[in-house]
Amino acid sequence: MKLLFWSLLIGALGLIVLAHVALWRAGMPVPFALAFTAINVIGWSLALGPFIFWARKLWAKDRNG
């Protein structure tokens, strides 16, 4: 289960990084790109944070029996 979780997490983070590279190379003004990057960071933190917390809680439960 840990391997699947880490594979999905690394894949998602890779796609997020590629999307940010495309955003910065799109030719929009720097203040707009910076604002969109900040919004994306906050959004993905709110989306992935609870999932990571839940997975760690599940792993601790499995480890303790």
Protein backbone atom coordinates (compact mmCIF):
# COMPACT_ATOMS: atom_id res chain seq x y z
CA MET A 1 0.00 0.00 0.00
CA LYS A 2 2.87 2.35 0.76
CA LEU A 3 4.37 1.76 -2.68
CA LEU A 4 1.08 2.62 -4.38
CA PHE A 5 0.69 5.75 -2.25
CA TRP A 6 4.20 7.00 -2.94
CA SER A 7 3.89 6.20 -6.64
CA LEU A 8 0.67 8.18 -6.92
CA LEU A 9 2.05 11.05 -4.85
CA ILE A 10 5.26 11.31 -6.88
CA GLY A 11 3.28 11.08 -10.12
CA ALA A 12 0.90 13.83 -9.01
CA LEU A 13 3.76 16.06 -7.88
CA GLY A 14 5.53 15.48 -11.19
CA LEU A 15 2.44 16.56 -13.11
CA ILE A 16 2.06 19.61 -10.89
CA VAL A 17 5.67 20.63 -11.52
CA LEU A 18 5.25 20.18 -15.28
CA ALA A 19 2.10 22.29 -15.19
CA HIS A 20 3.96 25.05 -13.34
CA VAL A 21 6.80 24.96 -15.87
CA ALA A 22 4.25 25.30 -18.67
CA LEU A 23 2.59 28.16 -16.78
CA TRP A 24 5.85 30.07 -16.43
CA ARG A 25 6.80 29.48 -20.07
CA ALA A 26 3.40 30.62 -21.38
CA GLY A 27 4.53 34.22 -21.74
CA MET A 28 2.15 35.80 -19.25
CA PRO A 29 3.41 38.68 -17.10
CA VAL A 30 5.45 37.63 -14.07
CA PRO A 31 3.03 39.02 -11.42
CA PHE A 32 0.18 36.96 -12.87
CA ALA A 33 2.31 33.81 -13.07
CA LEU A 34 3.46 34.34 -9.49
CA ALA A 35 -0.12 34.83 -8.31
CA PHE A 36 -1.31 31.68 -10.10
CA THR A 37 1.63 29.74 -8.66
CA ALA A 38 0.76 30.87 -5.12
CA ILE A 39 -2.90 29.96 -5.63
CA ASN A 40 -1.89 26.52 -6.93
CA VAL A 41 0.48 25.88 -4.03
CA ILE A 42 -2.23 26.71 -1.51
CA GLY A 43 -4.83 24.67 -3.38
CA TRP A 44 -2.67 21.57 -3.72
CA SER A 45 -1.58 21.83 -0.08
CA LEU A 46 -5.21 21.87 0.99
CA ALA A 47 -6.01 18.97 -1.35
CA LEU A 48 -3.04 16.70 -0.56
CA GLY A 49 -2.55 17.57 3.11
CA PRO A 50 -5.57 15.69 4.49
CA PHE A 51 -4.85 12.73 2.20
CA ILE A 52 -1.28 12.44 3.49
CA PHE A 53 -2.50 12.80 7.09
CA TRP A 54 -5.08 10.06 6.53
CA ALA A 55 -2.50 7.73 4.95
CA ARG A 56 -0.04 8.21 7.81
CA LYS A 57 -2.81 7.53 10.33
CA LEU A 58 -3.74 4.36 8.45
CA TRP A 59 -0.11 3.19 8.37
CA ALA A 60 0.23 3.76 12.12
CA LYS A 61 -2.94 1.76 12.70
CA ASP A 62 -1.62 -1.10 10.54
CA ARG A 63 1.75 -1.03 12.31
CA ASN A 64 0.18 -1.15 15.79
CA GLY A 65 -2.21 -3.91 14.89
